[in-house]
C-alpha atoms as a PDB file:
ATOM      1  CA  MET A   1       9.614  16.527 -33.693  1.00  0.00           C
ATOM      2  CA  ILE A   2       6.380  15.123 -32.289  1.00  0.00           C
ATOM      3  CA  ASP A   3       3.207  16.896 -33.285  1.00  0.00           C
ATOM      4  CA  GLY A   4       1.644  19.018 -30.601  1.00  0.00           C
ATOM      5  CA  LEU A   5       4.955  19.700 -28.762  1.00  0.00           C
ATOM      6  CA  THR A   6       7.080  22.825 -28.768  1.00  0.00           C
ATOM      7  CA  LEU A   7      10.845  22.231 -28.979  1.00  0.00           C
ATOM      8  CA  SER A   8      13.135  24.132 -26.612  1.00  0.00           C
ATOM      9  CA  ARG A   9      16.558  23.905 -24.955  1.00  0.00           C
ATOM     10  CA  PHE A  10      17.730  24.120 -21.416  1.00  0.00           C
ATOM     11  CA  ASP A  11      21.210  24.509 -19.924  1.00  0.00           C
ATOM     12  CA  HIS A  12      22.158  22.623 -16.754  1.00  0.00           C
ATOM     13  CA  ASP A  13      25.659  23.159 -15.551  1.00  0.00           C
ATOM     14  CA  GLY A  14      26.920  23.729 -19.040  1.00  0.00           C
ATOM     15  CA  VAL A  15      25.061  20.755 -20.651  1.00  0.00           C
ATOM     16  CA  GLY A  16      22.344  21.655 -23.146  1.00  0.00           C
ATOM     17  CA  ILE A  17      19.317  19.512 -22.807  1.00  0.00           C
ATOM     18  CA  ALA A  18      16.878  19.351 -25.750  1.00  0.00           C
ATOM     19  CA  TYR A  19      13.298  19.002 -24.623  1.00  0.00           C
ATOM     20  CA  ALA A  20       9.721  19.552 -25.800  1.00  0.00           C
ATOM     21  CA  THR A  21       6.469  20.349 -23.990  1.00  0.00           C
ATOM     22  CA  GLY A  22       2.817  20.665 -24.723  1.00  0.00           C
ATOM     23  CA  GLY A  23      -0.671  20.241 -23.279  1.00  0.00           C
ATOM     24  CA  ASP A  24      -2.296  21.107 -19.998  1.00  0.00           C
ATOM     25  CA  GLY A  25      -3.060  19.061 -16.848  1.00  0.00           C
ATOM     26  CA  PRO A  26      -1.033  16.939 -14.478  1.00  0.00           C
ATOM     27  CA  PRO A  27       2.545  16.869 -15.767  1.00  0.00           C
ATOM     28  CA  VAL A  28       4.121  13.630 -17.072  1.00  0.00           C
ATOM     29  CA  VAL A  29       7.783  13.289 -17.962  1.00  0.00           C
ATOM     30  CA  LEU A  30       8.888  10.697 -20.554  1.00  0.00           C
ATOM     31  CA  LEU A  31      12.487   9.483 -20.643  1.00  0.00           C
ATOM     32  CA  HIS A  32      13.774   7.356 -23.505  1.00  0.00           C
ATOM     33  CA  GLY A  33      16.125   4.394 -23.830  1.00  0.00           C
ATOM     34  CA  TYR A  34      19.118   3.325 -25.902  1.00  0.00           C
ATOM     35  CA  PRO A  35      19.761   3.882 -28.743  1.00  0.00           C
ATOM     36  CA  GLN A  36      16.699   6.085 -29.048  1.00  0.00           C
ATOM     37  CA  SER A  37      15.618   9.645 -28.295  1.00  0.00           C
ATOM     38  CA  SER A  38      12.395  11.362 -27.202  1.00  0.00           C
ATOM     39  CA  LEU A  39      11.045  10.397 -30.668  1.00  0.00           C
ATOM     40  CA  MET A  40      10.244   6.945 -29.137  1.00  0.00           C
ATOM     41  CA  TRP A  41       7.192   8.439 -27.446  1.00  0.00           C
ATOM     42  CA  ARG A  42       5.598   9.641 -30.707  1.00  0.00           C
ATOM     43  CA  HIS A  43       2.687   7.163 -30.541  1.00  0.00           C
ATOM     44  CA  LEU A  44       1.747   7.980 -26.868  1.00  0.00           C
ATOM     45  CA  VAL A  45       2.077  11.728 -26.902  1.00  0.00           C
ATOM     46  CA  PRO A  46      -1.034  12.688 -29.062  1.00  0.00           C
ATOM     47  CA  SER A  47      -3.350  10.905 -26.599  1.00  0.00           C
ATOM     48  CA  LEU A  48      -1.604  12.239 -23.495  1.00  0.00           C
ATOM     49  CA  LEU A  49      -1.908  15.854 -24.795  1.00  0.00           C
ATOM     50  CA  ALA A  50      -5.647  15.613 -24.416  1.00  0.00           C
ATOM     51  CA  ASP A  51      -5.466  15.879 -20.639  1.00  0.00           C
ATOM     52  CA  ARG A  52      -1.773  16.059 -19.551  1.00  0.00           C
ATOM     53  CA  GLN A  53       1.131  18.458 -19.682  1.00  0.00           C
ATOM     54  CA  VAL A  54       3.686  16.387 -21.506  1.00  0.00           C
ATOM     55  CA  VAL A  55       7.471  16.818 -21.136  1.00  0.00           C
ATOM     56  CA  VAL A  56       9.875  14.824 -23.273  1.00  0.00           C
ATOM     57  CA  LEU A  57      13.566  15.275 -23.279  1.00  0.00           C
ATOM     58  CA  ASP A  58      16.717  13.753 -24.798  1.00  0.00           C
ATOM     59  CA  LEU A  59      19.045  12.494 -22.032  1.00  0.00           C
ATOM     60  CA  ARG A  60      22.533  14.016 -22.035  1.00  0.00           C
ATOM     61  CA  GLY A  61      24.571  12.369 -24.729  1.00  0.00           C
ATOM     62  CA  TYR A  62      21.474  11.324 -26.754  1.00  0.00           C
ATOM     63  CA  GLY A  63      19.225  12.745 -29.462  1.00  0.00           C
ATOM     64  CA  ALA A  64      19.715  16.523 -29.844  1.00  0.00           C
ATOM     65  CA  SER A  65      21.081  17.112 -26.308  1.00  0.00           C
ATOM     66  CA  ASP A  66      24.761  18.003 -25.691  1.00  0.00           C
ATOM     67  CA  ALA A  67      27.224  15.086 -25.489  1.00  0.00           C
ATOM     68  CA  PRO A  68      30.014  16.544 -23.301  1.00  0.00           C
ATOM     69  CA  ALA A  69      33.267  14.504 -23.145  1.00  0.00           C
ATOM     70  CA  PRO A  70      33.153  12.221 -20.193  1.00  0.00           C
ATOM     71  CA  VAL A  71      35.434  13.706 -17.494  1.00  0.00           C
ATOM     72  CA  ASP A  72      34.965  10.510 -15.330  1.00  0.00           C
ATOM     73  CA  ASP A  73      32.337   7.789 -14.927  1.00  0.00           C
ATOM     74  CA  ALA A  74      30.065  10.176 -13.076  1.00  0.00           C
ATOM     75  CA  THR A  75      29.574  12.393 -16.125  1.00  0.00           C
ATOM     76  CA  TYR A  76      27.003   9.978 -17.546  1.00  0.00           C
ATOM     77  CA  GLY A  77      25.937   8.367 -14.235  1.00  0.00           C
ATOM     78  CA  LYS A  78      22.225   8.159 -13.655  1.00  0.00           C
ATOM     79  CA  ARG A  79      22.600  10.605 -10.782  1.00  0.00           C
ATOM     80  CA  ALA A  80      23.830  13.249 -13.223  1.00  0.00           C
ATOM     81  CA  MET A  81      21.010  12.449 -15.714  1.00  0.00           C
ATOM     82  CA  ALA A  82      18.446  12.610 -12.917  1.00  0.00           C
ATOM     83  CA  ALA A  83      19.842  15.971 -11.826  1.00  0.00           C
ATOM     84  CA  ASP A  84      19.290  17.252 -15.399  1.00  0.00           C
ATOM     85  CA  VAL A  85      15.648  16.192 -15.161  1.00  0.00           C
ATOM     86  CA  ALA A  86      15.151  17.824 -11.750  1.00  0.00           C
ATOM     87  CA  ALA A  87      16.722  21.083 -12.968  1.00  0.00           C
ATOM     88  CA  LEU A  88      14.484  21.077 -16.011  1.00  0.00           C
ATOM     89  CA  LEU A  89      11.358  20.543 -13.888  1.00  0.00           C
ATOM     90  CA  ASP A  90      12.427  23.419 -11.711  1.00  0.00           C
ATOM     91  CA  SER A  91      12.855  25.689 -14.670  1.00  0.00           C
ATOM     92  CA  LEU A  92       9.345  24.769 -15.921  1.00  0.00           C
ATOM     93  CA  GLY A  93       7.799  25.481 -12.543  1.00  0.00           C
ATOM     94  CA  ILE A  94       6.797  21.811 -12.064  1.00  0.00           C
ATOM     95  CA  ASP A  95       6.880  20.733  -8.442  1.00  0.00           C
ATOM     96  CA  ARG A  96       5.660  17.169  -8.889  1.00  0.00           C
ATOM     97  CA  ALA A  97       5.230  14.921 -11.901  1.00  0.00           C
ATOM     98  CA  ASP A  98       4.484  11.407 -13.053  1.00  0.00           C
ATOM     99  CA  LEU A  99       7.701   9.953 -14.495  1.00  0.00           C
ATOM    100  CA  VAL A 100       7.903   7.256 -17.184  1.00  0.00           C
ATOM    101  CA  GLY A 101      11.134   5.710 -18.382  1.00  0.00           C
ATOM    102  CA  HIS A 102      11.980   2.961 -20.824  1.00  0.00           C
ATOM    103  CA  ASP A 103      15.342   1.109 -20.803  1.00  0.00           C
ATOM    104  CA  ARG A 104      18.092   3.624 -19.871  1.00  0.00           C
ATOM    105  CA  GLY A 105      15.386   6.171 -19.110  1.00  0.00           C
ATOM    106  CA  GLY A 106      13.881   3.695 -16.621  1.00  0.00           C
ATOM    107  CA  ARG A 107      17.201   3.573 -14.820  1.00  0.00           C
ATOM    108  CA  VAL A 108      17.192   7.366 -14.698  1.00  0.00           C
ATOM    109  CA  VAL A 109      13.594   7.233 -13.226  1.00  0.00           C
ATOM    110  CA  HIS A 110      14.806   4.742 -10.593  1.00  0.00           C
ATOM    111  CA  ARG A 111      17.675   7.069  -9.536  1.00  0.00           C
ATOM    112  CA  PHE A 112      15.385  10.140  -9.683  1.00  0.00           C
ATOM    113  CA  CYS A 113      12.874   8.475  -7.246  1.00  0.00           C
ATOM    114  CA  LEU A 114      15.672   7.947  -4.786  1.00  0.00           C
ATOM    115  CA  ASP A 115      17.373  11.310  -5.177  1.00  0.00           C
ATOM    116  CA  TYR A 116      14.261  13.519  -5.588  1.00  0.00           C
ATOM    117  CA  PRO A 117      11.261  11.697  -4.015  1.00  0.00           C
ATOM    118  CA  GLU A 118       9.520  14.989  -3.275  1.00  0.00           C
ATOM    119  CA  LEU A 119       9.229  15.661  -7.098  1.00  0.00           C
ATOM    120  CA  VAL A 120       7.654  12.328  -7.891  1.00  0.00           C
ATOM    121  CA  ALA A 121       3.846  11.750  -8.004  1.00  0.00           C
ATOM    122  CA  THR A 122       4.180   8.282  -9.516  1.00  0.00           C
ATOM    123  CA  ALA A 123       6.844   6.436 -11.461  1.00  0.00           C
ATOM    124  CA  ALA A 124       6.824   3.898 -14.253  1.00  0.00           C
ATOM    125  CA  VAL A 125       9.701   1.798 -15.552  1.00  0.00           C
ATOM    126  CA  LEU A 126       9.388  -0.114 -18.794  1.00  0.00           C
ATOM    127  CA  ASP A 127      11.187  -3.414 -19.607  1.00  0.00           C
ATOM    128  CA  ILE A 128      13.954  -3.257 -16.999  1.00  0.00           C
ATOM    129  CA  VAL A 129      14.903  -4.768 -13.746  1.00  0.00           C
ATOM    130  CA  PRO A 130      17.251  -2.707 -11.527  1.00  0.00           C
ATOM    131  CA  THR A 131      20.870  -2.403 -12.704  1.00  0.00           C
ATOM    132  CA  LEU A 132      22.151  -3.914  -9.429  1.00  0.00           C
ATOM    133  CA  HIS A 133      19.913  -6.943  -9.914  1.00  0.00           C
ATOM    134  CA  MET A 134      21.049  -7.402 -13.467  1.00  0.00           C
ATOM    135  CA  TYR A 135      24.683  -7.435 -12.552  1.00  0.00           C
ATOM    136  CA  GLU A 136      24.139  -9.731  -9.602  1.00  0.00           C
ATOM    137  CA  ASN A 137      22.315 -12.292 -11.799  1.00  0.00           C
ATOM    138  CA  VAL A 138      24.627 -12.622 -14.862  1.00  0.00           C
ATOM    139  CA  ASP A 139      24.380 -15.981 -16.580  1.00  0.00           C
ATOM    140  CA  ARG A 140      24.855 -17.073 -20.176  1.00  0.00           C
ATOM    141  CA  ALA A 141      21.453 -16.098 -21.294  1.00  0.00           C
ATOM    142  CA  MET A 142      21.860 -12.565 -19.827  1.00  0.00           C
ATOM    143  CA  ALA A 143      25.315 -12.185 -21.351  1.00  0.00           C
ATOM    144  CA  GLU A 144      24.013 -13.172 -24.722  1.00  0.00           C
ATOM    145  CA  ALA A 145      20.861 -11.055 -24.686  1.00  0.00           C
ATOM    146  CA  TYR A 146      22.651  -8.096 -23.101  1.00  0.00           C
ATOM    147  CA  PHE A 147      26.124  -8.470 -24.613  1.00  0.00           C
ATOM    148  CA  HIS A 148      26.066  -4.738 -25.429  1.00  0.00           C
ATOM    149  CA  TRP A 149      26.290  -3.998 -21.678  1.00  0.00           C
ATOM    150  CA  PHE A 150      29.711  -5.624 -21.525  1.00  0.00           C
ATOM    151  CA  PHE A 151      30.827  -4.519 -24.970  1.00  0.00           C
ATOM    152  CA  LEU A 152      29.978  -0.816 -24.658  1.00  0.00           C
ATOM    153  CA  SER A 153      31.409  -0.499 -21.179  1.00  0.00           C
ATOM    154  CA  ARG A 154      34.851  -1.709 -22.194  1.00  0.00           C
ATOM    155  CA  PRO A 155      37.559   0.974 -21.767  1.00  0.00           C
ATOM    156  CA  GLY A 156      40.330   1.813 -24.215  1.00  0.00           C
ATOM    157  CA  GLY A 157      38.301   3.090 -27.175  1.00  0.00           C
ATOM    158  CA  LEU A 158      37.491  -0.195 -28.905  1.00  0.00           C
ATOM    159  CA  PRO A 159      33.702  -0.007 -28.756  1.00  0.00           C
ATOM    160  CA  GLU A 160      33.840   3.607 -29.872  1.00  0.00           C
ATOM    161  CA  ALA A 161      35.996   2.744 -32.896  1.00  0.00           C
ATOM    162  CA  LEU A 162      33.773  -0.086 -34.018  1.00  0.00           C
ATOM    163  CA  LEU A 163      30.605   1.975 -33.699  1.00  0.00           C
ATOM    164  CA  HIS A 164      32.173   4.756 -35.657  1.00  0.00           C
ATOM    165  CA  ALA A 165      32.970   2.228 -38.428  1.00  0.00           C
ATOM    166  CA  ASP A 166      29.236   1.423 -39.054  1.00  0.00           C
ATOM    167  CA  THR A 167      27.048   3.610 -36.881  1.00  0.00           C
ATOM    168  CA  ALA A 168      23.859   3.113 -38.773  1.00  0.00           C
ATOM    169  CA  GLY A 169      24.428  -0.657 -38.882  1.00  0.00           C
ATOM    170  CA  TRP A 170      24.933  -0.791 -35.097  1.00  0.00           C
ATOM    171  CA  VAL A 171      21.821   1.256 -34.262  1.00  0.00           C
ATOM    172  CA  ARG A 172      19.779  -0.823 -36.723  1.00  0.00           C
ATOM    173  CA  SER A 173      21.070  -4.008 -35.101  1.00  0.00           C
ATOM    174  CA  ARG A 174      19.914  -2.838 -31.669  1.00  0.00           C
ATOM    175  CA  MET A 175      16.383  -1.976 -32.981  1.00  0.00           C
ATOM    176  CA  VAL A 176      15.476  -4.653 -35.493  1.00  0.00           C
ATOM    177  CA  GLY A 177      16.831  -7.538 -33.436  1.00  0.00           C
ATOM    178  CA  ARG A 178      14.560  -6.953 -30.422  1.00  0.00           C
ATOM    179  CA  HIS A 179      10.946  -6.719 -31.380  1.00  0.00           C
ATOM    180  CA  ARG A 180       8.074  -9.128 -31.675  1.00  0.00           C
ATOM    181  CA  ALA A 181       7.205 -10.996 -34.846  1.00  0.00           C
ATOM    182  CA  GLY A 182       5.119  -9.057 -37.313  1.00  0.00           C
ATOM    183  CA  PHE A 183       6.333  -5.619 -36.180  1.00  0.00           C
ATOM    184  CA  ALA A 184       8.678  -3.479 -38.193  1.00  0.00           C
ATOM    185  CA  PHE A 185      10.189  -0.012 -37.327  1.00  0.00           C
ATOM    186  CA  ASP A 186       9.558   2.758 -39.800  1.00  0.00           C
ATOM    187  CA  GLU A 187      12.713   3.447 -41.847  1.00  0.00           C
ATOM    188  CA  ASP A 188      12.438   7.168 -41.137  1.00  0.00           C
ATOM    189  CA  VAL A 189      12.528   6.434 -37.429  1.00  0.00           C
ATOM    190  CA  LEU A 190      15.566   4.234 -37.735  1.00  0.00           C
ATOM    191  CA  ARG A 191      17.343   6.952 -39.785  1.00  0.00           C
ATOM    192  CA  ALA A 192      16.470   9.498 -37.076  1.00  0.00           C
ATOM    193  CA  TYR A 193      17.940   7.379 -34.365  1.00  0.00           C
ATOM    194  CA  ALA A 194      21.106   6.599 -36.325  1.00  0.00           C
ATOM    195  CA  GLY A 195      21.345  10.290 -37.381  1.00  0.00           C
ATOM    196  CA  ALA A 196      21.576  11.343 -33.777  1.00  0.00           C
ATOM    197  CA  PHE A 197      24.475   8.915 -33.236  1.00  0.00           C
ATOM    198  CA  VAL A 198      26.636  10.418 -35.882  1.00  0.00           C
ATOM    199  CA  ARG A 199      26.756  13.773 -34.099  1.00  0.00           C
ATOM    200  CA  PRO A 200      30.203  14.530 -32.575  1.00  0.00           C
ATOM    201  CA  GLY A 201      30.626  12.991 -29.141  1.00  0.00           C
ATOM    202  CA  VAL A 202      27.375  10.891 -29.041  1.00  0.00           C
ATOM    203  CA  ILE A 203      29.030   7.485 -29.513  1.00  0.00           C
ATOM    204  CA  GLU A 204      31.561   8.373 -26.762  1.00  0.00           C
ATOM    205  CA  ALA A 205      28.865   9.696 -24.528  1.00  0.00           C
ATOM    206  CA  THR A 206      26.554   6.666 -24.850  1.00  0.00           C
ATOM    207  CA  CYS A 207      29.473   4.237 -24.208  1.00  0.00           C
ATOM    208  CA  ALA A 208      30.249   6.304 -21.094  1.00  0.00           C
ATOM    209  CA  ASP A 209      26.620   5.827 -20.115  1.00  0.00           C
ATOM    210  CA  TYR A 210      27.211   2.046 -19.975  1.00  0.00           C
ATOM    211  CA  ARG A 211      30.491   2.410 -18.148  1.00  0.00           C
ATOM    212  CA  ALA A 212      28.697   4.457 -15.542  1.00  0.00           C
ATOM    213  CA  ALA A 213      26.178   1.683 -15.138  1.00  0.00           C
ATOM    214  CA  ALA A 214      29.015  -0.706 -14.295  1.00  0.00           C
ATOM    215  CA  SER A 215      30.746   1.616 -11.890  1.00  0.00           C
ATOM    216  CA  VAL A 216      29.183   4.682 -10.238  1.00  0.00           C
ATOM    217  CA  ASP A 217      25.578   3.543 -10.771  1.00  0.00           C
ATOM    218  CA  LEU A 218      26.347   0.239  -9.075  1.00  0.00           C
ATOM    219  CA  ALA A 219      28.059   1.944  -6.232  1.00  0.00           C
ATOM    220  CA  ASP A 220      25.078   4.317  -5.717  1.00  0.00           C
ATOM    221  CA  ASP A 221      22.659   1.410  -5.861  1.00  0.00           C
ATOM    222  CA  LEU A 222      24.641  -0.604  -3.358  1.00  0.00           C
ATOM    223  CA  ALA A 223      24.778   2.366  -1.019  1.00  0.00           C
ATOM    224  CA  ASP A 224      21.003   2.688  -1.225  1.00  0.00           C
ATOM    225  CA  ARG A 225      20.448  -0.960  -0.466  1.00  0.00           C
ATOM    226  CA  GLU A 226      22.823  -0.862   2.490  1.00  0.00           C
ATOM    227  CA  ALA A 227      21.018   2.231   3.833  1.00  0.00           C
ATOM    228  CA  GLY A 228      17.627   0.641   3.329  1.00  0.00           C
ATOM    229  CA  ARG A 229      16.480   3.250   0.814  1.00  0.00           C
ATOM    230  CA  GLY A 230      13.886   2.354  -1.786  1.00  0.00           C
ATOM    231  CA  ILE A 231      11.263   3.886  -3.980  1.00  0.00           C
ATOM    232  CA  GLU A 232       8.499   5.311  -1.820  1.00  0.00           C
ATOM    233  CA  ARG A 233       6.055   6.446  -4.518  1.00  0.00           C
ATOM    234  CA  PRO A 234       3.674   4.150  -6.412  1.00  0.00           C
ATOM    235  CA  LEU A 235       5.690   2.288  -9.133  1.00  0.00           C
ATOM    236  CA  LEU A 236       4.314   0.773 -12.287  1.00  0.00           C
ATOM    237  CA  VAL A 237       6.523  -2.020 -13.692  1.00  0.00           C
ATOM    238  CA  GLY A 238       5.770  -2.797 -17.288  1.00  0.00           C
ATOM    239  CA  TRP A 239       7.575  -5.344 -19.468  1.00  0.00           C
ATOM    240  CA  GLY A 240       7.361  -7.057 -22.820  1.00  0.00           C
ATOM    241  CA  THR A 241       6.080 -10.580 -22.448  1.00  0.00           C
ATOM    242  CA  GLU A 242       8.148 -11.734 -25.422  1.00  0.00           C
ATOM    243  CA  GLY A 243      11.438 -10.079 -24.476  1.00  0.00           C
ATOM    244  CA  TYR A 244      14.404 -11.223 -22.350  1.00  0.00           C
ATOM    245  CA  VAL A 245      13.398  -9.280 -19.198  1.00  0.00           C
ATOM    246  CA  GLY A 246       9.888 -10.711 -19.238  1.00  0.00           C
ATOM    247  CA  THR A 247      10.987 -14.260 -19.772  1.00  0.00           C
ATOM    248  CA  ALA A 248      14.039 -14.309 -17.548  1.00  0.00           C
ATOM    249  CA  PHE A 249      12.768 -12.612 -14.430  1.00  0.00           C
ATOM    250  CA  ASP A 250       9.706 -12.409 -12.262  1.00  0.00           C
ATOM    251  CA  VAL A 251       9.736  -8.692 -12.926  1.00  0.00           C
ATOM    252  CA  ALA A 252       7.224  -7.482 -10.431  1.00  0.00           C
ATOM    253  CA  LYS A 253       8.759  -9.599  -7.620  1.00  0.00           C
ATOM    254  CA  VAL A 254      12.157  -8.300  -8.277  1.00  0.00           C
ATOM    255  CA  TRP A 255      10.959  -4.732  -8.025  1.00  0.00           C
ATOM    256  CA  THR A 256       9.235  -5.391  -4.702  1.00  0.00           C
ATOM    257  CA  GLU A 257      12.770  -5.554  -3.189  1.00  0.00           C
ATOM    258  CA  TYR A 258      13.431  -1.986  -4.430  1.00  0.00           C
ATOM    259  CA  ALA A 259      10.050  -0.333  -4.098  1.00  0.00           C
ATOM    260  CA  GLU A 260       7.175  -0.182  -1.603  1.00  0.00           C
ATOM    261  CA  GLN A 261       4.157  -0.086  -3.948  1.00  0.00           C
ATOM    262  CA  VAL A 262       4.546  -2.081  -7.133  1.00  0.00           C
ATOM    263  CA  THR A 263       1.848  -2.452  -9.863  1.00  0.00           C
ATOM    264  CA  ALA A 264       2.624  -5.071 -12.614  1.00  0.00           C
ATOM    265  CA  ALA A 265       1.878  -4.503 -16.262  1.00  0.00           C
ATOM    266  CA  PRO A 266       2.795  -7.274 -18.727  1.00  0.00           C
ATOM    267  CA  ILE A 267       2.553  -5.950 -22.304  1.00  0.00           C
ATOM    268  CA  GLU A 268       2.424  -8.001 -25.485  1.00  0.00           C
ATOM    269  CA  ALA A 269       5.685  -6.903 -27.001  1.00  0.00           C
ATOM    270  CA  ASP A 270       9.441  -7.514 -26.957  1.00  0.00           C
ATOM    271  CA  HIS A 271      11.704  -4.740 -25.615  1.00  0.00           C
ATOM    272  CA  TYR A 272      10.417  -1.600 -27.287  1.00  0.00           C
ATOM    273  CA  VAL A 273       6.983  -1.691 -25.686  1.00  0.00           C
ATOM    274  CA  ALA A 274       5.928   1.928 -26.398  1.00  0.00           C
ATOM    275  CA  GLU A 275       6.690   1.532 -30.082  1.00  0.00           C
ATOM    276  CA  GLU A 276       5.624  -2.100 -30.597  1.00  0.00           C
ATOM    277  CA  ASN A 277       2.372  -1.868 -28.592  1.00  0.00           C
ATOM    278  CA  PRO A 278       1.580   1.736 -27.824  1.00  0.00           C
ATOM    279  CA  VAL A 279      -2.159   1.080 -27.156  1.00  0.00           C
ATOM    280  CA  ALA A 280      -1.438  -1.457 -24.424  1.00  0.00           C
ATOM    281  CA  THR A 281       1.400   0.674 -23.005  1.00  0.00           C
ATOM    282  CA  LEU A 282      -0.822   3.735 -22.761  1.00  0.00           C
ATOM    283  CA  ALA A 283      -3.702   1.803 -21.265  1.00  0.00           C
ATOM    284  CA  ALA A 284      -1.389   0.387 -18.586  1.00  0.00           C
ATOM    285  CA  LEU A 285      -0.127   3.897 -17.708  1.00  0.00           C
ATOM    286  CA  ARG A 286      -3.615   5.445 -17.604  1.00  0.00           C
ATOM    287  CA  ASP A 287      -4.987   2.602 -15.436  1.00  0.00           C
ATOM    288  CA  PHE A 288      -2.109   2.949 -13.085  1.00  0.00           C
ATOM    289  CA  TRP A 289      -2.356   6.788 -12.777  1.00  0.00           C
ATOM    290  CA  GLU A 290      -6.126   6.549 -12.168  1.00  0.00           C
ATOM    291  CA  ALA A 291      -5.644   3.952  -9.422  1.00  0.00           C
ATOM    292  CA  SER A 292      -2.828   5.933  -7.814  1.00  0.00           C
ATOM    293  CA  ARG A 293      -4.735   9.251  -7.501  1.00  0.00           C
END
């Protein structure tokens, strides 16, 4: 629970999506990454509530949202997750919003911009380059830094079995191994993230998320590139200057191949920019929104 927000639940095609809302003003939708939940926005929300309608949600398979058994790779494809968000906005009577996504949430924002451009005022993606670009530029450094992409996407049940054996240890390894020096996650937050992963079906769902990235998401991204489709709305690209993405890629330049209007925002952090450096993250977002109006 984040102070100032009211928890609720929404059903989209039989999948229950946990979300919370609060505040008044232009709507902003915040989408979390792996292995987190909407709790990751706890430092940004209080300030945003002063002049924005804030919507946070747990992606399907994460946090307190339903984790349906994956019928096929499309069950946890970014197209399905983006459709959840679009349906939620419709239910709330929101016809256009600023979208912000970190990590997996950023990939949902990317897909949302392509599938529902009419619903997007602006978009922001934090500490990612496009999935297609990642897979087309695999080298040893990428494979070591992002080994979980290849591990979690393996079929046959092995990653699920290993994560069930030490769920809290796995979640902690993802969080504490990817932040800048001098920063430490609150133990209560780590327990909350790990606690969500022990719910039935969540480990299977989140592995399916990564399988989708290596299959249907790639196919969708390739189809968009071949058709010449890109993000038409203003896009903020933020990244941690001390993380893999920020040191391995010219992040803003990469995104210019996928979007028409790119604003760059380097942030002093590693991967978890909104938790490691919320002040700089919020400042980058507000500057971007002001310039885009």
